[in-house]
Amino acid sequence: MMPGHVVKICGITTLDDAVAAMEAGATAIGFNFWLNSPRYVDPAAAAEIIGSLAAETACPTRVGVFVDASPEYVDDIANRAGLDVAQIHGGACAGLRCWRAYRVGDDGIIAVNDPGQAEAILLDTAVPGLRGGTGRSFAWCAARELQHRVIIAGGLDASNVREAIRQARPWGVDACSRIEAAPGRKDHEKMKAFIAEALAEFA
């Protein structure tokens, strides 16, 4: 695998899923702090999970997902939970590393307006009323137009992640709903298969 590529499992709510993702080779795990998400996790619960992983040498990057949150709120949760990165869906980047999310519509147009603080741009499929976790993909080739590090999300699993990487040539990939048994509960076999396919394509 090329150094620095991101293979992220998002919507982690349990230690069991976090450990399984880590053991399968995920390089990042995501915790959703948006109250309206079916994958919402309390910051104290996230801190407990992260604390249990902290001693592991292969501990993945810990990413917090925030929707329209103030920088002060993001920093507070990041400090309490022990996050490495804030994934921002609306709002401003906070004091730690930032991945800024944008939604891609049916027209494939990506209007990126980032003043430069973001380490990466995360692209997800635009679905009315939802902010991620849609299970739907977009035209991946649109990502190649951006002059940024790109992470692609939306409708990824083991069956299509290789093709997504070939078309988008991204820095990273992010999976959530299509590798679940239920919202916030991962299907470990689907998760392992996704990670294996992504790592193999990035190799």
Protein backbone atom coordinates (compact mmCIF):
# COMPACT_ATOMS: atom_id res chain seq x y z
CA MET A 1 0.00 0.00 0.00
CA MET A 2 1.25 3.48 -0.82
CA PRO A 3 2.07 5.44 2.36
CA GLY A 4 -0.64 7.69 3.65
CA HIS A 5 -3.71 6.25 1.95
CA VAL A 6 -6.86 6.34 4.06
CA VAL A 7 -9.21 3.37 4.41
CA LYS A 8 -11.87 4.59 6.81
CA ILE A 9 -14.72 2.80 8.55
CA CYS A 10 -17.30 5.34 9.67
CA GLY A 11 -20.19 5.17 12.12
CA ILE A 12 -18.35 3.23 14.84
CA THR A 13 -20.43 2.91 18.01
CA THR A 14 -18.95 -0.15 19.76
CA LEU A 15 -15.52 -1.32 20.87
CA ASP A 16 -16.10 -4.67 19.17
CA ASP A 17 -16.53 -2.99 15.78
CA ALA A 18 -13.58 -0.67 16.37
CA VAL A 19 -11.29 -3.58 17.21
CA ALA A 20 -12.50 -5.58 14.21
CA ALA A 21 -11.85 -2.62 11.90
CA MET A 22 -8.38 -2.11 13.34
CA GLU A 23 -7.49 -5.79 13.09
CA ALA A 24 -8.68 -5.88 9.47
CA GLY A 25 -6.31 -3.02 8.60
CA ALA A 26 -8.48 0.10 8.59
CA THR A 27 -6.30 3.19 8.80
CA ALA A 28 -9.08 5.42 10.18
CA ILE A 29 -12.31 4.99 12.14
CA GLY A 30 -15.11 7.54 12.36
CA PHE A 31 -17.37 8.54 15.25
CA ASN A 32 -20.55 10.46 14.42
CA PHE A 33 -21.40 13.29 16.80
CA TRP A 34 -24.44 14.56 14.89
CA LEU A 35 -27.48 14.05 17.12
CA ASN A 36 -29.79 13.36 14.17
CA SER A 37 -27.70 10.46 12.90
CA PRO A 38 -28.76 6.85 13.58
CA ARG A 39 -25.05 6.29 14.19
CA TYR A 40 -24.70 9.02 16.81
CA VAL A 41 -22.31 8.12 19.61
CA ASP A 42 -22.05 9.93 22.92
CA PRO A 43 -18.65 11.63 23.34
CA ALA A 44 -18.06 9.73 26.60
CA ALA A 45 -18.71 6.41 24.86
CA ALA A 46 -16.38 7.38 22.02
CA ALA A 47 -13.71 8.35 24.54
CA GLU A 48 -14.01 4.95 26.18
CA ILE A 49 -13.63 3.14 22.86
CA ILE A 50 -10.69 5.32 21.83
CA GLY A 51 -9.06 4.89 25.22
CA SER A 52 -9.25 1.12 24.86
CA LEU A 53 -7.47 1.31 21.50
CA ALA A 54 -4.83 3.84 22.50
CA ALA A 55 -2.23 1.29 23.57
CA GLU A 56 -2.38 -0.56 20.25
CA THR A 57 0.54 0.10 17.93
CA ALA A 58 -1.76 -0.12 14.88
CA CYS A 59 -4.39 2.20 16.32
CA PRO A 60 -6.23 3.89 13.42
CA THR A 61 -6.67 7.62 13.03
CA ARG A 62 -9.65 8.72 15.13
CA VAL A 63 -12.06 10.91 13.15
CA GLY A 64 -15.01 12.84 14.57
CA VAL A 65 -17.92 13.61 12.24
CA PHE A 66 -19.60 16.99 12.87
CA VAL A 67 -22.55 18.69 11.14
CA ASP A 68 -22.94 22.49 11.29
CA ALA A 69 -20.95 22.58 14.54
CA SER A 70 -19.05 25.54 15.94
CA PRO A 71 -15.25 25.31 16.15
CA GLU A 72 -15.55 25.58 19.94
CA TYR A 73 -17.88 22.58 20.07
CA VAL A 74 -15.62 20.56 17.78
CA ASP A 75 -12.54 21.34 19.87
CA ASP A 76 -14.38 20.44 23.08
CA ILE A 77 -15.51 17.05 21.78
CA ALA A 78 -12.10 16.39 20.22
CA ASN A 79 -10.37 16.99 23.54
CA ARG A 80 -12.88 14.91 25.50
CA ALA A 81 -12.91 11.97 23.09
CA GLY A 82 -9.27 12.00 21.97
CA LEU A 83 -9.80 12.68 18.28
CA ASP A 84 -7.10 13.17 15.65
CA VAL A 85 -9.24 14.67 12.85
CA ALA A 86 -12.51 16.60 12.56
CA GLN A 87 -14.63 15.71 9.52
CA ILE A 88 -16.70 18.86 8.99
CA HIS A 89 -20.07 18.86 7.22
CA GLY A 90 -20.79 22.60 7.28
CA GLY A 91 -19.26 24.98 9.79
CA ALA A 92 -15.64 25.98 10.18
CA CYS A 93 -12.51 23.94 10.76
CA ALA A 94 -11.42 23.78 14.37
CA GLY A 95 -7.95 23.57 15.89
CA LEU A 96 -7.09 20.02 14.85
CA ARG A 97 -6.66 18.36 11.47
CA CYS A 98 -9.71 18.89 9.28
CA TRP A 99 -11.41 16.93 6.50
CA ARG A 100 -14.14 19.05 4.89
CA ALA A 101 -17.12 17.20 3.41
CA TYR A 102 -18.98 18.15 0.24
CA ARG A 103 -22.01 16.52 -1.31
CA VAL A 104 -22.06 15.59 -4.99
CA GLY A 105 -25.37 15.93 -6.86
CA ASP A 106 -26.68 14.06 -9.88
CA ASP A 107 -25.00 16.57 -12.17
CA GLY A 108 -21.59 15.57 -10.82
CA ILE A 109 -20.68 19.18 -10.07
CA ILE A 110 -18.51 19.66 -7.00
CA ALA A 111 -18.44 23.24 -5.71
CA VAL A 112 -15.47 23.31 -3.38
CA ASN A 113 -15.02 26.49 -1.41
CA ASP A 114 -12.21 25.83 1.02
CA PRO A 115 -9.86 28.55 2.23
CA GLY A 116 -7.05 26.06 2.64
CA GLN A 117 -7.30 24.77 6.19
CA ALA A 118 -8.59 21.32 5.22
CA GLU A 119 -6.12 18.46 4.97
CA ALA A 120 -8.52 16.66 2.62
CA ILE A 121 -11.87 16.97 0.87
CA LEU A 122 -14.40 14.19 1.52
CA LEU A 123 -17.01 13.66 -1.19
CA ASP A 124 -20.35 12.01 -0.48
CA THR A 125 -23.59 11.64 -2.40
CA ALA A 126 -26.18 14.39 -2.03
CA VAL A 127 -29.46 12.99 -0.67
CA PRO A 128 -32.11 15.42 0.65
CA GLY A 129 -32.35 15.35 4.45
CA LEU A 130 -29.26 13.19 4.94
CA ARG A 131 -25.68 14.13 5.73
CA GLY A 132 -23.73 10.95 4.96
CA GLY A 133 -24.52 7.29 5.51
CA THR A 134 -26.75 7.27 2.43
CA GLY A 135 -25.56 4.03 0.86
CA ARG A 136 -25.65 5.73 -2.55
CA SER A 137 -22.71 6.40 -4.83
CA PHE A 138 -21.93 9.27 -7.21
CA ALA A 139 -19.97 9.54 -10.46
CA TRP A 140 -16.53 8.85 -9.00
CA CYS A 141 -14.62 10.24 -11.97
CA ALA A 142 -15.79 13.74 -10.93
CA ALA A 143 -13.31 13.56 -8.05
CA ARG A 144 -10.38 13.64 -10.46
CA GLU A 145 -11.16 17.26 -11.32
CA LEU A 146 -10.21 18.49 -7.86
CA GLN A 147 -6.77 19.80 -6.95
CA HIS A 148 -7.03 18.46 -3.41
CA ARG A 149 -6.47 15.29 -1.47
CA VAL A 150 -9.80 13.51 -1.90
CA ILE A 151 -11.58 10.89 0.17
CA ILE A 152 -14.61 9.33 -1.51
CA ALA A 153 -17.62 8.03 0.40
CA GLY A 154 -21.16 7.01 -0.42
CA GLY A 155 -22.30 3.52 -1.37
CA LEU A 156 -18.91 1.82 -1.12
CA ASP A 157 -18.39 -1.83 -0.24
CA ALA A 158 -16.19 -4.71 -1.33
CA SER A 159 -18.02 -5.06 -4.64
CA ASN A 160 -17.20 -1.61 -5.99
CA VAL A 161 -14.36 -0.02 -4.02
CA ARG A 162 -11.67 -1.13 -6.47
CA GLU A 163 -13.50 0.46 -9.39
CA ALA A 164 -14.12 3.60 -7.34
CA ILE A 165 -10.40 3.92 -6.63
CA ARG A 166 -9.53 3.36 -10.28
CA GLN A 167 -11.95 6.06 -11.44
CA ALA A 168 -11.42 8.66 -8.72
CA ARG A 169 -7.73 8.11 -7.91
CA PRO A 170 -8.43 9.30 -4.36
CA TRP A 171 -6.27 9.67 -1.30
CA GLY A 172 -8.78 7.63 0.64
CA VAL A 173 -12.09 5.76 0.78
CA ASP A 174 -14.78 5.71 3.44
CA ALA A 175 -17.48 3.08 4.02
CA CYS A 176 -20.42 3.01 6.40
CA SER A 177 -23.99 1.88 5.67
CA ARG A 178 -23.27 -0.82 3.10
CA ILE A 179 -21.02 -2.72 5.49
CA GLU A 180 -23.53 -2.75 8.36
CA ALA A 181 -25.82 -5.33 9.88
CA ALA A 182 -27.89 -2.41 11.28
CA PRO A 183 -27.24 1.34 11.66
CA GLY A 184 -24.21 1.68 13.91
CA ARG A 185 -23.51 -2.07 13.99
CA LYS A 186 -20.99 -3.42 11.50
CA ASP A 187 -21.17 -6.69 9.61
CA HIS A 188 -17.63 -7.83 10.30
CA GLU A 189 -17.32 -9.99 7.21
CA LYS A 190 -18.50 -7.19 4.90
CA MET A 191 -16.22 -4.74 6.69
CA LYS A 192 -13.19 -7.00 6.40
CA ALA A 193 -13.88 -7.63 2.72
CA PHE A 194 -14.17 -3.91 2.00
CA ILE A 195 -10.91 -3.13 3.79
CA ALA A 196 -9.09 -5.97 2.04
CA GLU A 197 -10.25 -4.85 -1.42
CA ALA A 198 -9.38 -1.21 -0.76
CA LEU A 199 -5.92 -2.01 0.60
CA ALA A 200 -5.23 -4.31 -2.35
CA GLU A 201 -6.21 -1.64 -4.89
CA PHE A 202 -4.10 1.00 -3.17
CA ALA A 203 -1.10 -1.35 -3.05
